[in-house]
C-alpha atoms as a PDB file:
ATOM      1  CA  MET A   1     143.271 -10.138  10.251  1.00  0.00           C
ATOM      2  CA  LYS A   2     141.925 -13.586   9.414  1.00  0.00           C
ATOM      3  CA  PHE A   3     143.234 -15.160   6.234  1.00  0.00           C
ATOM      4  CA  THR A   4     141.936 -17.905   4.035  1.00  0.00           C
ATOM      5  CA  LYS A   5     144.447 -20.207   2.385  1.00  0.00           C
ATOM      6  CA  LEU A   6     144.106 -19.985  -1.406  1.00  0.00           C
ATOM      7  CA  ALA A   7     143.987 -16.887  -3.605  1.00  0.00           C
ATOM      8  CA  ILE A   8     142.963 -17.285  -7.234  1.00  0.00           C
ATOM      9  CA  LEU A   9     144.443 -14.356  -9.175  1.00  0.00           C
ATOM     10  CA  ILE A  10     142.517 -13.451 -12.314  1.00  0.00           C
ATOM     11  CA  ASP A  11     143.570 -11.053 -15.066  1.00  0.00           C
ATOM     12  CA  PRO A  12     140.325  -9.871 -16.758  1.00  0.00           C
ATOM     13  CA  ASN A  13     142.142  -9.213 -20.022  1.00  0.00           C
ATOM     14  CA  LYS A  14     143.375 -12.703 -20.937  1.00  0.00           C
ATOM     15  CA  GLY A  15     140.594 -13.586 -23.381  1.00  0.00           C
ATOM     16  CA  LYS A  16     139.639 -17.274 -23.493  1.00  0.00           C
ATOM     17  CA  ALA A  17     141.746 -18.053 -20.426  1.00  0.00           C
ATOM     18  CA  THR A  18     139.784 -15.479 -18.420  1.00  0.00           C
ATOM     19  CA  GLU A  19     136.510 -16.994 -19.601  1.00  0.00           C
ATOM     20  CA  ARG A  20     137.567 -20.526 -18.647  1.00  0.00           C
ATOM     21  CA  MET A  21     138.632 -19.348 -15.202  1.00  0.00           C
ATOM     22  CA  PHE A  22     135.393 -17.412 -14.695  1.00  0.00           C
ATOM     23  CA  HIS A  23     133.194 -20.409 -15.514  1.00  0.00           C
ATOM     24  CA  ALA A  24     135.356 -22.685 -13.365  1.00  0.00           C
ATOM     25  CA  LEU A  25     135.069 -20.281 -10.446  1.00  0.00           C
ATOM     26  CA  LYS A  26     131.342 -19.904 -11.042  1.00  0.00           C
ATOM     27  CA  GLY A  27     130.945 -23.679 -10.857  1.00  0.00           C
ATOM     28  CA  ILE A  28     132.836 -23.927  -7.557  1.00  0.00           C
ATOM     29  CA  LEU A  29     130.872 -21.064  -5.981  1.00  0.00           C
ATOM     30  CA  THR A  30     127.425 -22.191  -7.105  1.00  0.00           C
ATOM     31  CA  GLU A  31     128.033 -25.808  -6.068  1.00  0.00           C
ATOM     32  CA  CYS A  32     128.906 -24.712  -2.520  1.00  0.00           C
ATOM     33  CA  ASP A  33     126.142 -24.091   0.042  1.00  0.00           C
ATOM     34  CA  ASP A  34     128.079 -21.193   1.565  1.00  0.00           C
ATOM     35  CA  PRO A  35     131.013 -19.899  -0.561  1.00  0.00           C
ATOM     36  CA  THR A  36     132.097 -17.588   2.251  1.00  0.00           C
ATOM     37  CA  LYS A  37     133.254 -20.687   4.158  1.00  0.00           C
ATOM     38  CA  LEU A  38     135.559 -21.835   1.365  1.00  0.00           C
ATOM     39  CA  PRO A  39     139.314 -21.421   2.095  1.00  0.00           C
ATOM     40  CA  LEU A  40     139.405 -18.988  -0.808  1.00  0.00           C
ATOM     41  CA  GLU A  41     139.978 -15.398  -1.869  1.00  0.00           C
ATOM     42  CA  ILE A  42     139.357 -14.022  -5.359  1.00  0.00           C
ATOM     43  CA  TRP A  43     142.094 -11.630  -6.495  1.00  0.00           C
ATOM     44  CA  VAL A  44     141.524  -9.474  -9.592  1.00  0.00           C
ATOM     45  CA  GLY A  45     144.249  -7.451 -11.292  1.00  0.00           C
ATOM     46  CA  ASP A  46     144.553  -6.237 -14.883  1.00  0.00           C
ATOM     47  CA  SER A  47     148.089  -5.961 -16.229  1.00  0.00           C
ATOM     48  CA  SER A  48     147.104  -4.205 -19.465  1.00  0.00           C
ATOM     49  CA  GLU A  49     144.069  -1.914 -18.998  1.00  0.00           C
ATOM     50  CA  ILE A  50     144.010   0.998 -16.576  1.00  0.00           C
ATOM     51  CA  TYR A  51     140.640   0.581 -14.882  1.00  0.00           C
ATOM     52  CA  ARG A  52     137.643  -0.688 -16.779  1.00  0.00           C
ATOM     53  CA  GLY A  53     138.705  -4.328 -17.041  1.00  0.00           C
ATOM     54  CA  VAL A  54     138.897  -4.789 -13.266  1.00  0.00           C
ATOM     55  CA  HIS A  55     135.636  -2.976 -12.543  1.00  0.00           C
ATOM     56  CA  ARG A  56     133.745  -4.846 -15.270  1.00  0.00           C
ATOM     57  CA  TYR A  57     134.984  -8.164 -13.957  1.00  0.00           C
ATOM     58  CA  LEU A  58     133.966  -7.305 -10.397  1.00  0.00           C
ATOM     59  CA  LYS A  59     130.495  -6.348 -11.626  1.00  0.00           C
ATOM     60  CA  ARG A  60     130.270  -9.703 -13.377  1.00  0.00           C
ATOM     61  CA  LEU A  61     131.217 -11.542 -10.181  1.00  0.00           C
ATOM     62  CA  HIS A  62     128.553  -9.710  -8.206  1.00  0.00           C
ATOM     63  CA  GLN A  63     125.941 -10.667 -10.794  1.00  0.00           C
ATOM     64  CA  LEU A  64     126.353 -14.324  -9.850  1.00  0.00           C
ATOM     65  CA  LYS A  65     123.396 -15.496  -7.793  1.00  0.00           C
ATOM     66  CA  THR A  66     125.508 -16.486  -4.816  1.00  0.00           C
ATOM     67  CA  THR A  67     127.464 -14.994  -1.953  1.00  0.00           C
ATOM     68  CA  LEU A  68     131.154 -14.416  -2.583  1.00  0.00           C
ATOM     69  CA  PRO A  69     134.319 -15.133  -0.608  1.00  0.00           C
ATOM     70  CA  PRO A  70     136.578 -12.097  -0.042  1.00  0.00           C
ATOM     71  CA  VAL A  71     137.226 -10.209  -3.289  1.00  0.00           C
ATOM     72  CA  VAL A  72     140.583  -8.431  -3.518  1.00  0.00           C
ATOM     73  CA  ILE A  73     141.989  -5.938  -6.040  1.00  0.00           C
ATOM     74  CA  PHE A  74     145.628  -6.660  -6.885  1.00  0.00           C
ATOM     75  CA  PRO A  75     146.203  -3.441  -8.848  1.00  0.00           C
ATOM     76  CA  GLY A  76     148.426  -3.266 -11.884  1.00  0.00           C
ATOM     77  CA  HIS A  77     147.782   0.484 -12.096  1.00  0.00           C
ATOM     78  CA  PRO A  78     146.779   3.191  -9.571  1.00  0.00           C
ATOM     79  CA  LEU A  79     143.426   3.726 -11.288  1.00  0.00           C
ATOM     80  CA  GLN A  80     142.334   0.134 -10.694  1.00  0.00           C
ATOM     81  CA  ILE A  81     140.032   1.033  -7.808  1.00  0.00           C
ATOM     82  CA  SER A  82     136.475  -0.156  -7.359  1.00  0.00           C
ATOM     83  CA  SER A  83     133.947  -0.065  -4.537  1.00  0.00           C
ATOM     84  CA  LEU A  84     132.896  -3.603  -5.516  1.00  0.00           C
ATOM     85  CA  ALA A  85     135.962  -5.182  -3.850  1.00  0.00           C
ATOM     86  CA  ASP A  86     136.391  -6.027  -0.177  1.00  0.00           C
ATOM     87  CA  PHE A  87     140.138  -5.318  -0.040  1.00  0.00           C
ATOM     88  CA  ILE A  88     142.849  -3.669  -2.112  1.00  0.00           C
ATOM     89  CA  GLN A  89     146.514  -4.654  -1.910  1.00  0.00           C
ATOM     90  CA  MET A  90     148.769  -1.644  -1.186  1.00  0.00           C
ATOM     91  CA  PRO A  91     152.417  -2.704  -1.646  1.00  0.00           C
ATOM     92  CA  THR A  92     155.762  -1.362  -0.576  1.00  0.00           C
ATOM     93  CA  LEU A  93     158.336  -2.637  -3.090  1.00  0.00           C
ATOM     94  CA  LEU A  94     161.265  -4.267  -1.308  1.00  0.00           C
ATOM     95  CA  ASN A  95     163.744  -5.123  -4.049  1.00  0.00           C
ATOM     96  CA  ALA A  96     162.486  -3.172  -7.055  1.00  0.00           C
ATOM     97  CA  TYR A  97     164.925  -0.694  -8.580  1.00  0.00           C
ATOM     98  CA  ARG A  98     162.984   0.831 -11.467  1.00  0.00           C
ATOM     99  CA  PHE A  99     162.521   4.474 -10.500  1.00  0.00           C
ATOM    100  CA  ARG A 100     159.427   5.077 -12.640  1.00  0.00           C
ATOM    101  CA  ILE A 101     157.586   2.129 -11.083  1.00  0.00           C
ATOM    102  CA  LYS A 102     158.438   3.263  -7.553  1.00  0.00           C
ATOM    103  CA  VAL A 103     157.124   6.759  -8.324  1.00  0.00           C
ATOM    104  CA  VAL A 104     153.921   5.376  -9.866  1.00  0.00           C
ATOM    105  CA  VAL A 105     153.297   3.199  -6.784  1.00  0.00           C
ATOM    106  CA  LYS A 106     153.756   6.151  -4.416  1.00  0.00           C
ATOM    107  CA  LEU A 107     151.529   8.440  -6.497  1.00  0.00           C
ATOM    108  CA  GLY A 108     148.994   5.627  -6.801  1.00  0.00           C
ATOM    109  CA  LYS A 109     148.716   5.351  -3.021  1.00  0.00           C
ATOM    110  CA  LYS A 110     148.091   9.096  -2.714  1.00  0.00           C
ATOM    111  CA  TYR A 111     145.461   8.930  -5.477  1.00  0.00           C
ATOM    112  CA  HIS A 112     143.775   5.990  -3.772  1.00  0.00           C
ATOM    113  CA  TRP A 113     143.602   7.783  -0.422  1.00  0.00           C
ATOM    114  CA  LEU A 114     142.275  10.943  -2.091  1.00  0.00           C
ATOM    115  CA  MET A 115     139.547   9.009  -3.935  1.00  0.00           C
ATOM    116  CA  LYS A 116     138.709   7.100  -0.762  1.00  0.00           C
ATOM    117  CA  TRP A 117     138.014  10.229   1.263  1.00  0.00           C
ATOM    118  CA  CYS A 118     136.328  12.140  -1.568  1.00  0.00           C
ATOM    119  CA  ARG A 119     133.899   9.300  -2.246  1.00  0.00           C
ATOM    120  CA  LYS A 120     133.305   8.325   1.377  1.00  0.00           C
ATOM    121  CA  PRO A 121     130.161  10.526   1.756  1.00  0.00           C
ATOM    122  CA  PHE A 122     128.656   8.988  -1.400  1.00  0.00           C
ATOM    123  CA  SER A 123     129.648   5.321  -1.118  1.00  0.00           C
ATOM    124  CA  LYS A 124     128.652   3.015   1.720  1.00  0.00           C
ATOM    125  CA  HIS A 125     131.412   0.565   0.838  1.00  0.00           C
ATOM    126  CA  TRP A 126     135.065   1.043  -0.054  1.00  0.00           C
ATOM    127  CA  PRO A 127     137.781  -1.634  -0.187  1.00  0.00           C
ATOM    128  CA  ILE A 128     139.918  -1.939   2.928  1.00  0.00           C
ATOM    129  CA  ASP A 129     143.626  -1.252   2.453  1.00  0.00           C
ATOM    130  CA  ARG A 130     146.037  -4.141   2.945  1.00  0.00           C
ATOM    131  CA  LYS A 131     149.497  -2.660   3.420  1.00  0.00           C
ATOM    132  CA  TYR A 132     152.333  -5.113   2.890  1.00  0.00           C
ATOM    133  CA  GLY A 133     155.916  -5.636   1.816  1.00  0.00           C
ATOM    134  CA  TYR A 134     156.263  -7.084  -1.687  1.00  0.00           C
ATOM    135  CA  MET A 135     159.394  -9.000  -2.640  1.00  0.00           C
ATOM    136  CA  VAL A 136     159.996 -10.402  -6.152  1.00  0.00           C
ATOM    137  CA  LEU A 137     162.511 -13.247  -5.972  1.00  0.00           C
ATOM    138  CA  SER A 138     163.052 -13.918  -9.685  1.00  0.00           C
ATOM    139  CA  PRO A 139     164.506 -11.019 -11.731  1.00  0.00           C
ATOM    140  CA  HIS A 140     164.036 -13.051 -14.941  1.00  0.00           C
ATOM    141  CA  SER A 141     160.279 -13.413 -14.517  1.00  0.00           C
ATOM    142  CA  SER A 142     157.762 -11.079 -16.174  1.00  0.00           C
ATOM    143  CA  VAL A 143     157.177  -9.022 -13.035  1.00  0.00           C
ATOM    144  CA  GLY A 144     160.875  -9.157 -12.116  1.00  0.00           C
ATOM    145  CA  LYS A 145     161.855  -7.592 -15.439  1.00  0.00           C
ATOM    146  CA  LYS A 146     159.145  -4.956 -15.128  1.00  0.00           C
ATOM    147  CA  LEU A 147     160.338  -3.905 -11.667  1.00  0.00           C
ATOM    148  CA  HIS A 148     164.080  -4.365 -12.351  1.00  0.00           C
ATOM    149  CA  ALA A 149     164.172  -6.697  -9.366  1.00  0.00           C
ATOM    150  CA  LYS A 150     167.518  -7.752  -7.945  1.00  0.00           C
ATOM    151  CA  GLU A 151     168.321 -11.441  -7.554  1.00  0.00           C
ATOM    152  CA  LEU A 152     168.705 -12.355  -3.888  1.00  0.00           C
ATOM    153  CA  THR A 153     169.830 -15.418  -1.985  1.00  0.00           C
ATOM    154  CA  ASP A 154     167.661 -16.651   0.880  1.00  0.00           C
ATOM    155  CA  GLU A 155     169.917 -14.885   3.380  1.00  0.00           C
ATOM    156  CA  GLN A 156     169.870 -11.616   1.438  1.00  0.00           C
ATOM    157  CA  ALA A 157     166.094 -11.751   0.996  1.00  0.00           C
ATOM    158  CA  TYR A 158     165.528 -12.356   4.711  1.00  0.00           C
ATOM    159  CA  GLU A 159     167.879  -9.511   5.635  1.00  0.00           C
ATOM    160  CA  GLU A 160     166.082  -7.172   3.214  1.00  0.00           C
ATOM    161  CA  ILE A 161     162.709  -7.996   4.760  1.00  0.00           C
ATOM    162  CA  THR A 162     163.817  -7.547   8.361  1.00  0.00           C
ATOM    163  CA  ARG A 163     165.756  -4.352   7.604  1.00  0.00           C
ATOM    164  CA  LYS A 164     162.922  -2.667   5.707  1.00  0.00           C
ATOM    165  CA  TRP A 165     160.050  -3.935   7.875  1.00  0.00           C
ATOM    166  CA  ARG A 166     157.344  -1.371   8.653  1.00  0.00           C
ATOM    167  CA  ASP A 167     155.032  -1.759  11.638  1.00  0.00           C
ATOM    168  CA  TYR A 168     151.966  -0.791   9.603  1.00  0.00           C
ATOM    169  CA  TRP A 169     152.368  -3.801   7.294  1.00  0.00           C
ATOM    170  CA  SER A 170     149.942  -6.636   7.913  1.00  0.00           C
ATOM    171  CA  MET A 171     151.709  -9.102   5.599  1.00  0.00           C
ATOM    172  CA  ILE A 172     154.720 -10.022   3.497  1.00  0.00           C
ATOM    173  CA  TYR A 173     154.308 -11.313  -0.063  1.00  0.00           C
ATOM    174  CA  LEU A 174     157.092 -13.529  -1.440  1.00  0.00           C
ATOM    175  CA  GLU A 175     156.598 -13.594  -5.213  1.00  0.00           C
ATOM    176  CA  ALA A 176     158.688 -15.900  -7.397  1.00  0.00           C
ATOM    177  CA  GLY A 177     157.206 -14.365 -10.528  1.00  0.00           C
ATOM    178  CA  SER A 178     155.566 -15.837 -13.580  1.00  0.00           C
ATOM    179  CA  GLY A 179     156.391 -16.255 -17.225  1.00  0.00           C
ATOM    180  CA  ARG A 180     158.762 -18.563 -19.052  1.00  0.00           C
ATOM    181  CA  PHE A 181     161.753 -17.771 -16.844  1.00  0.00           C
ATOM    182  CA  GLY A 182     159.949 -17.430 -13.527  1.00  0.00           C
ATOM    183  CA  ALA A 183     161.169 -19.709 -10.759  1.00  0.00           C
ATOM    184  CA  SER A 184     158.798 -21.501  -8.403  1.00  0.00           C
ATOM    185  CA  ILE A 185     158.288 -20.283  -4.857  1.00  0.00           C
ATOM    186  CA  ALA A 186     158.007 -23.975  -3.970  1.00  0.00           C
ATOM    187  CA  GLY A 187     161.767 -24.140  -4.563  1.00  0.00           C
ATOM    188  CA  ARG A 188     162.410 -21.582  -1.790  1.00  0.00           C
ATOM    189  CA  LEU A 189     160.807 -23.426   1.140  1.00  0.00           C
ATOM    190  CA  ASP A 190     163.708 -22.668   3.485  1.00  0.00           C
ATOM    191  CA  LEU A 191     163.135 -18.955   2.930  1.00  0.00           C
ATOM    192  CA  VAL A 192     159.377 -19.401   3.421  1.00  0.00           C
ATOM    193  CA  ARG A 193     159.973 -21.085   6.796  1.00  0.00           C
ATOM    194  CA  GLN A 194     162.467 -18.413   7.843  1.00  0.00           C
ATOM    195  CA  VAL A 195     160.193 -15.508   6.911  1.00  0.00           C
ATOM    196  CA  LYS A 196     157.244 -17.221   8.596  1.00  0.00           C
ATOM    197  CA  GLU A 197     159.143 -17.281  11.896  1.00  0.00           C
ATOM    198  CA  PHE A 198     159.756 -13.546  11.491  1.00  0.00           C
ATOM    199  CA  THR A 199     156.141 -12.678  10.602  1.00  0.00           C
ATOM    200  CA  LYS A 200     154.952 -14.584  13.675  1.00  0.00           C
ATOM    201  CA  THR A 201     156.802 -12.087  15.851  1.00  0.00           C
ATOM    202  CA  LYS A 202     155.056  -9.233  14.013  1.00  0.00           C
ATOM    203  CA  ASP A 203     151.568 -10.795  14.007  1.00  0.00           C
ATOM    204  CA  ALA A 204     151.610 -10.576  10.220  1.00  0.00           C
ATOM    205  CA  ALA A 205     150.580 -12.973   7.468  1.00  0.00           C
ATOM    206  CA  LEU A 206     152.833 -14.596   4.878  1.00  0.00           C
ATOM    207  CA  ILE A 207     151.685 -14.727   1.257  1.00  0.00           C
ATOM    208  CA  THR A 208     153.478 -16.863  -1.336  1.00  0.00           C
ATOM    209  CA  GLY A 209     153.038 -17.101  -5.087  1.00  0.00           C
ATOM    210  CA  GLY A 210     154.709 -17.678  -8.424  1.00  0.00           C
ATOM    211  CA  GLY A 211     155.449 -20.820 -10.407  1.00  0.00           C
ATOM    212  CA  ILE A 212     152.960 -22.985  -8.506  1.00  0.00           C
ATOM    213  CA  ARG A 213     151.709 -25.789 -10.714  1.00  0.00           C
ATOM    214  CA  THR A 214     150.787 -28.790  -8.562  1.00  0.00           C
ATOM    215  CA  LYS A 215     148.750 -29.739  -5.514  1.00  0.00           C
ATOM    216  CA  THR A 216     151.896 -31.058  -3.833  1.00  0.00           C
ATOM    217  CA  GLN A 217     153.592 -27.674  -4.154  1.00  0.00           C
ATOM    218  CA  VAL A 218     150.611 -25.984  -2.495  1.00  0.00           C
ATOM    219  CA  GLU A 219     150.689 -28.536   0.334  1.00  0.00           C
ATOM    220  CA  ASP A 220     154.432 -27.962   0.831  1.00  0.00           C
ATOM    221  CA  LEU A 221     153.940 -24.203   1.036  1.00  0.00           C
ATOM    222  CA  VAL A 222     151.134 -24.528   3.577  1.00  0.00           C
ATOM    223  CA  LYS A 223     153.242 -26.903   5.691  1.00  0.00           C
ATOM    224  CA  SER A 224     156.133 -24.432   5.503  1.00  0.00           C
ATOM    225  CA  GLY A 225     153.986 -21.671   6.965  1.00  0.00           C
ATOM    226  CA  SER A 226     152.320 -19.855   4.081  1.00  0.00           C
ATOM    227  CA  ASP A 227     149.052 -18.256   5.188  1.00  0.00           C
ATOM    228  CA  LEU A 228     147.857 -17.499   1.671  1.00  0.00           C
ATOM    229  CA  VAL A 229     148.974 -19.247  -1.544  1.00  0.00           C
ATOM    230  CA  VAL A 230     148.393 -17.311  -4.783  1.00  0.00           C
ATOM    231  CA  VAL A 231     147.866 -19.211  -8.055  1.00  0.00           C
ATOM    232  CA  SER A 232     147.238 -17.799 -11.498  1.00  0.00           C
ATOM    233  CA  THR A 233     149.291 -18.792 -14.567  1.00  0.00           C
ATOM    234  CA  VAL A 234     148.746 -22.540 -14.249  1.00  0.00           C
ATOM    235  CA  LEU A 235     144.981 -21.922 -14.202  1.00  0.00           C
ATOM    236  CA  GLU A 236     145.170 -19.647 -17.244  1.00  0.00           C
ATOM    237  CA  GLN A 237     147.045 -22.334 -19.174  1.00  0.00           C
ATOM    238  CA  SER A 238     144.771 -25.201 -18.150  1.00  0.00           C
ATOM    239  CA  GLU A 239     141.918 -26.459 -20.305  1.00  0.00           C
ATOM    240  CA  ASN A 240     140.174 -27.613 -17.121  1.00  0.00           C
ATOM    241  CA  PRO A 241     140.913 -24.951 -14.453  1.00  0.00           C
ATOM    242  CA  LYS A 242     137.999 -26.079 -12.268  1.00  0.00           C
ATOM    243  CA  GLU A 243     139.673 -29.415 -11.563  1.00  0.00           C
ATOM    244  CA  LEU A 244     142.910 -27.655 -10.604  1.00  0.00           C
ATOM    245  CA  MET A 245     141.051 -25.173  -8.392  1.00  0.00           C
ATOM    246  CA  GLU A 246     139.400 -28.050  -6.547  1.00  0.00           C
ATOM    247  CA  GLN A 247     142.773 -29.776  -6.056  1.00  0.00           C
ATOM    248  CA  PHE A 248     144.348 -26.598  -4.691  1.00  0.00           C
ATOM    249  CA  LEU A 249     141.396 -25.959  -2.363  1.00  0.00           C
ATOM    250  CA  GLU A 250     141.725 -29.499  -1.064  1.00  0.00           C
ATOM    251  CA  ALA A 251     145.438 -28.919  -0.506  1.00  0.00           C
ATOM    252  CA  VAL A 252     144.836 -25.933   1.786  1.00  0.00           C
ATOM    253  CA  SER A 253     141.822 -27.337   3.635  1.00  0.00           C
END
């Protein structure tokens, strides 16, 4: 599987921040002769609505008069499925200990597969599954609290990944989390390098995200072996997200 280098994660339900990010993304795509050649993926995931927010946003993207780079659903709920995406992230939670969330994820996968096969005769396109291991490194971040994630040292995190590895995974996602108390994945570069050496042996990709705020941090992550760097919160908080997007794209090019 071929990966681009930057993933812009957009929550369709963040009001003015979502609008600023949409217009910034629109500017970057329309100014490029061939957006499919940008080192970019567009990730869409709604943390508050069940389904309609994601689907509406994907429809809006497709209404742009331009070709699109890969569009990926990063689901916050099992019902966030849409035929308008190219891929859908299908996680296995590595260090999450909230029973209800683990049950919802498992049921969500079964629902997704059922919908996929039921709609196959009627839909020419359906997002391709990306199965991966998902590790949240900061238990004090928003996602860490939601999943009841356990705090791990670099050694413990690496051991957890290697012990729970599944051959059907195509990637590992190291997530430092977001929110006021989220740490930055750029502060765990030793772990990034270590996990990259492991994923090389499995022909898998390494995704990193959480707490990324500067171009230098993106460059450091790429140099350390990250195949895909996910950015979101810093763009939501920026009054000029287009400038930041351009800096990050330059950092991964």
